[in-house]
N, C-alpha and C. Protein backbone atom coordinates (compact mmCIF):
# COMPACT_ATOMS: atom_id res chain seq x y z
N MET A 1 -38.11 -100.31 50.09
CA MET A 1 -38.98 -99.59 49.12
C MET A 1 -38.19 -99.31 47.82
N ARG A 2 -36.91 -98.96 47.94
CA ARG A 2 -36.07 -98.69 46.80
C ARG A 2 -35.90 -100.04 45.96
N PHE A 3 -35.79 -101.11 46.66
CA PHE A 3 -35.65 -102.39 45.98
C PHE A 3 -36.92 -102.79 45.19
N ALA A 4 -38.04 -102.44 45.64
CA ALA A 4 -39.34 -102.68 44.87
C ALA A 4 -39.38 -101.90 43.59
N TRP A 5 -38.95 -100.64 43.63
CA TRP A 5 -38.91 -99.79 42.44
C TRP A 5 -37.90 -100.33 41.41
N ILE A 6 -36.78 -100.86 41.88
CA ILE A 6 -35.83 -101.42 40.91
C ILE A 6 -36.43 -102.66 40.29
N ILE A 7 -37.05 -103.57 41.09
CA ILE A 7 -37.69 -104.70 40.51
C ILE A 7 -38.78 -104.32 39.54
N LEU A 8 -39.59 -103.36 39.87
CA LEU A 8 -40.63 -102.87 39.01
C LEU A 8 -40.01 -102.32 37.68
N ALA A 9 -38.94 -101.52 37.77
CA ALA A 9 -38.32 -100.98 36.57
C ALA A 9 -37.76 -102.08 35.72
N PHE A 10 -37.13 -103.14 36.26
CA PHE A 10 -36.64 -104.23 35.51
C PHE A 10 -37.82 -105.06 34.86
N ALA A 11 -38.93 -105.14 35.54
CA ALA A 11 -40.05 -105.85 34.98
C ALA A 11 -40.60 -105.08 33.80
N VAL A 12 -40.67 -103.79 33.87
CA VAL A 12 -41.20 -102.93 32.79
C VAL A 12 -40.21 -103.06 31.60
N ILE A 13 -38.89 -102.99 31.88
CA ILE A 13 -37.93 -103.09 30.78
C ILE A 13 -38.02 -104.48 30.11
N ALA A 14 -38.22 -105.51 30.92
CA ALA A 14 -38.39 -106.92 30.36
C ALA A 14 -39.60 -106.96 29.50
N ALA A 15 -40.70 -106.40 29.96
CA ALA A 15 -41.94 -106.45 29.17
C ALA A 15 -41.81 -105.68 27.86
N VAL A 16 -41.12 -104.55 27.92
CA VAL A 16 -40.92 -103.77 26.69
C VAL A 16 -40.03 -104.56 25.72
N MET A 17 -39.01 -105.18 26.25
CA MET A 17 -38.12 -106.00 25.36
C MET A 17 -38.87 -107.16 24.72
N VAL A 18 -39.72 -107.80 25.45
CA VAL A 18 -40.51 -108.93 24.91
C VAL A 18 -41.41 -108.39 23.80
N HIS A 19 -42.05 -107.25 24.11
CA HIS A 19 -42.92 -106.61 23.07
C HIS A 19 -42.14 -106.24 21.81
N LEU A 20 -41.01 -105.70 21.98
CA LEU A 20 -40.14 -105.30 20.81
C LEU A 20 -39.72 -106.48 20.07
N ARG A 21 -39.35 -107.56 20.71
CA ARG A 21 -38.91 -108.79 20.03
C ARG A 21 -40.06 -109.39 19.19
N LEU A 22 -41.27 -109.31 19.83
CA LEU A 22 -42.45 -109.87 19.05
C LEU A 22 -42.72 -108.97 17.80
N GLU A 23 -42.62 -107.71 17.95
CA GLU A 23 -42.78 -106.83 16.83
C GLU A 23 -41.70 -107.03 15.78
N GLN A 24 -40.46 -107.31 16.22
CA GLN A 24 -39.39 -107.52 15.29
C GLN A 24 -39.65 -108.79 14.49
N ALA A 25 -40.12 -109.84 15.16
CA ALA A 25 -40.43 -111.11 14.50
C ALA A 25 -41.56 -110.91 13.52
N SER A 26 -42.55 -110.08 13.87
CA SER A 26 -43.70 -109.83 12.97
C SER A 26 -43.21 -109.06 11.73
N VAL A 27 -42.41 -108.07 11.92
CA VAL A 27 -41.86 -107.26 10.82
C VAL A 27 -40.97 -108.15 9.93
N ARG A 28 -40.16 -108.99 10.51
CA ARG A 28 -39.33 -109.88 9.73
C ARG A 28 -40.18 -110.84 8.90
N ALA A 29 -41.27 -111.37 9.47
CA ALA A 29 -42.11 -112.26 8.71
C ALA A 29 -42.84 -111.50 7.55
N GLU A 30 -43.24 -110.29 7.81
CA GLU A 30 -43.89 -109.46 6.81
C GLU A 30 -42.88 -109.14 5.63
N THR A 31 -41.66 -108.87 6.02
CA THR A 31 -40.62 -108.60 5.04
C THR A 31 -40.35 -109.81 4.13
N TYR A 32 -40.29 -110.96 4.76
CA TYR A 32 -40.08 -112.22 4.01
C TYR A 32 -41.27 -112.42 3.07
N ARG A 33 -42.51 -112.21 3.56
CA ARG A 33 -43.68 -112.39 2.71
C ARG A 33 -43.67 -111.41 1.53
N LEU A 34 -43.31 -110.19 1.75
CA LEU A 34 -43.29 -109.19 0.69
C LEU A 34 -42.17 -109.49 -0.27
N SER A 35 -41.09 -109.99 0.19
CA SER A 35 -39.98 -110.37 -0.71
C SER A 35 -40.36 -111.54 -1.62
N ALA A 36 -41.04 -112.53 -1.10
CA ALA A 36 -41.51 -113.62 -1.88
C ALA A 36 -42.55 -113.15 -2.90
N LEU A 37 -43.41 -112.22 -2.51
CA LEU A 37 -44.43 -111.65 -3.42
C LEU A 37 -43.72 -110.90 -4.52
N ARG A 38 -42.70 -110.13 -4.15
CA ARG A 38 -41.91 -109.33 -5.16
C ARG A 38 -41.30 -110.28 -6.20
N HIS A 39 -40.77 -111.37 -5.71
CA HIS A 39 -40.14 -112.33 -6.67
C HIS A 39 -41.18 -112.94 -7.55
N GLU A 40 -42.36 -113.21 -7.02
CA GLU A 40 -43.41 -113.73 -7.88
C GLU A 40 -43.94 -112.75 -8.89
N VAL A 41 -43.99 -111.53 -8.49
CA VAL A 41 -44.48 -110.46 -9.47
C VAL A 41 -43.38 -110.22 -10.55
N ARG A 42 -42.10 -110.27 -10.13
CA ARG A 42 -41.00 -110.11 -11.10
C ARG A 42 -41.00 -111.29 -12.05
N ARG A 43 -41.34 -112.49 -11.60
CA ARG A 43 -41.32 -113.71 -12.47
C ARG A 43 -42.50 -113.58 -13.44
N THR A 44 -43.65 -113.11 -12.98
CA THR A 44 -44.77 -112.95 -13.86
C THR A 44 -44.51 -111.85 -14.91
N LEU A 45 -43.89 -110.77 -14.51
CA LEU A 45 -43.53 -109.73 -15.45
C LEU A 45 -42.55 -110.26 -16.49
N TRP A 46 -41.55 -111.00 -16.07
CA TRP A 46 -40.60 -111.60 -17.02
C TRP A 46 -41.30 -112.49 -18.00
N ASP A 47 -42.21 -113.33 -17.55
CA ASP A 47 -42.94 -114.25 -18.45
C ASP A 47 -43.81 -113.45 -19.43
N GLN A 48 -44.41 -112.32 -19.00
CA GLN A 48 -45.18 -111.51 -19.86
C GLN A 48 -44.30 -110.83 -20.91
N GLN A 49 -43.11 -110.33 -20.50
CA GLN A 49 -42.23 -109.70 -21.49
C GLN A 49 -41.73 -110.74 -22.50
N ILE A 50 -41.43 -111.94 -22.09
CA ILE A 50 -41.04 -112.96 -23.06
C ILE A 50 -42.16 -113.28 -24.04
N ARG A 51 -43.34 -113.38 -23.52
CA ARG A 51 -44.56 -113.68 -24.35
C ARG A 51 -44.78 -112.53 -25.31
N LEU A 52 -44.65 -111.29 -24.88
CA LEU A 52 -44.84 -110.14 -25.75
C LEU A 52 -43.80 -110.12 -26.84
N SER A 53 -42.51 -110.43 -26.50
CA SER A 53 -41.48 -110.38 -27.51
C SER A 53 -41.71 -111.53 -28.50
N GLU A 54 -42.26 -112.64 -28.07
CA GLU A 54 -42.59 -113.71 -29.01
C GLU A 54 -43.65 -113.26 -29.93
N LEU A 55 -44.67 -112.66 -29.48
CA LEU A 55 -45.80 -112.20 -30.28
C LEU A 55 -45.42 -111.11 -31.21
N ALA A 56 -44.39 -110.27 -30.85
CA ALA A 56 -44.01 -109.19 -31.67
C ALA A 56 -42.89 -109.56 -32.69
N SER A 57 -42.45 -110.78 -32.67
CA SER A 57 -41.41 -111.18 -33.57
C SER A 57 -41.90 -111.23 -35.04
N PRO A 58 -41.05 -110.98 -35.99
CA PRO A 58 -41.47 -110.94 -37.39
C PRO A 58 -42.15 -112.26 -37.80
N ARG A 59 -41.64 -113.37 -37.37
CA ARG A 59 -42.25 -114.64 -37.77
C ARG A 59 -43.69 -114.75 -37.26
N GLN A 60 -43.91 -114.36 -35.97
CA GLN A 60 -45.26 -114.45 -35.42
C GLN A 60 -46.19 -113.43 -36.10
N VAL A 61 -45.66 -112.22 -36.42
CA VAL A 61 -46.46 -111.22 -37.12
C VAL A 61 -46.90 -111.78 -38.52
N ASN A 62 -45.99 -112.32 -39.20
CA ASN A 62 -46.29 -112.89 -40.55
C ASN A 62 -47.24 -114.07 -40.44
N GLN A 63 -47.05 -114.90 -39.40
CA GLN A 63 -47.97 -116.07 -39.27
C GLN A 63 -49.35 -115.56 -38.91
N ARG A 64 -49.43 -114.57 -38.02
CA ARG A 64 -50.78 -114.07 -37.65
C ARG A 64 -51.46 -113.37 -38.89
N GLY A 65 -50.63 -112.69 -39.67
CA GLY A 65 -51.18 -112.11 -40.90
C GLY A 65 -51.74 -113.14 -41.80
N ARG A 66 -51.04 -114.22 -41.98
CA ARG A 66 -51.56 -115.35 -42.86
C ARG A 66 -52.81 -115.95 -42.18
N GLN A 67 -52.90 -116.12 -40.91
CA GLN A 67 -54.05 -116.64 -40.27
C GLN A 67 -55.23 -115.78 -40.49
N LEU A 68 -55.06 -114.48 -40.49
CA LEU A 68 -56.14 -113.51 -40.69
C LEU A 68 -56.37 -113.24 -42.16
N ALA A 69 -55.62 -113.89 -43.05
CA ALA A 69 -55.71 -113.73 -44.47
C ALA A 69 -55.50 -112.28 -44.89
N LEU A 70 -54.47 -111.69 -44.30
CA LEU A 70 -54.07 -110.32 -44.69
C LEU A 70 -53.16 -110.37 -45.90
N GLU A 71 -53.37 -109.44 -46.80
CA GLU A 71 -52.53 -109.36 -47.98
C GLU A 71 -51.56 -108.16 -47.73
N LEU A 72 -50.27 -108.41 -47.72
CA LEU A 72 -49.27 -107.34 -47.55
C LEU A 72 -48.92 -106.79 -48.88
N LEU A 73 -48.86 -105.44 -48.97
CA LEU A 73 -48.45 -104.77 -50.19
C LEU A 73 -46.95 -104.60 -50.22
N PRO A 74 -46.33 -104.78 -51.36
CA PRO A 74 -44.91 -104.44 -51.45
C PRO A 74 -44.70 -102.96 -51.32
N PRO A 75 -43.53 -102.51 -51.00
CA PRO A 75 -43.26 -101.07 -50.85
C PRO A 75 -43.57 -100.33 -52.17
N GLY A 76 -44.21 -99.18 -52.02
CA GLY A 76 -44.51 -98.32 -53.23
C GLY A 76 -45.85 -98.54 -53.83
N GLU A 77 -46.53 -99.70 -53.59
CA GLU A 77 -47.87 -99.92 -54.11
C GLU A 77 -48.92 -99.26 -53.28
N SER A 78 -50.03 -98.90 -53.91
CA SER A 78 -51.11 -98.27 -53.19
C SER A 78 -52.18 -99.22 -52.79
N PHE A 79 -53.00 -98.84 -51.87
CA PHE A 79 -54.05 -99.62 -51.33
C PHE A 79 -55.19 -99.68 -52.31
N THR A 80 -55.74 -100.95 -52.63
CA THR A 80 -56.78 -101.11 -53.61
C THR A 80 -58.08 -101.42 -53.06
N GLY A 81 -58.24 -101.85 -51.87
CA GLY A 81 -59.53 -102.16 -51.32
C GLY A 81 -59.62 -103.45 -50.54
N ASP A 82 -59.11 -104.54 -51.14
CA ASP A 82 -59.18 -105.79 -50.45
C ASP A 82 -57.98 -106.09 -49.59
N GLN A 83 -56.92 -105.27 -49.77
CA GLN A 83 -55.74 -105.40 -48.89
C GLN A 83 -56.01 -104.60 -47.57
N VAL A 84 -55.52 -105.09 -46.50
CA VAL A 84 -55.69 -104.43 -45.24
C VAL A 84 -54.45 -103.81 -44.73
N VAL A 85 -53.30 -104.34 -44.94
CA VAL A 85 -52.07 -103.91 -44.40
C VAL A 85 -51.06 -103.50 -45.51
N GLN A 86 -50.32 -102.49 -45.21
CA GLN A 86 -49.27 -102.14 -46.13
C GLN A 86 -47.91 -102.16 -45.42
N ARG A 87 -46.96 -102.82 -46.05
CA ARG A 87 -45.64 -102.92 -45.50
C ARG A 87 -44.76 -101.99 -46.16
N ASP A 88 -43.98 -101.16 -45.36
CA ASP A 88 -42.96 -100.21 -45.93
C ASP A 88 -41.61 -100.72 -45.87
């Protein structure tokens, strides 16, 4: 009878170990997936920061002003009506 309890205890321990290993593999896969997603989000953020810095560069701002036909006022001049932007 004692031998049956020992075998039952070992069977329960073995089943728990198998369950824990399966959970560990699942968590490891989820961690890998989230890490890959994090790298993708960081790459997207980096691309957006580069694009934003390109759009905010003085050359792009001047080019966009010319495309929109904006007239920039020199420092000290006042707004007359047909100018839209004043540069200080």
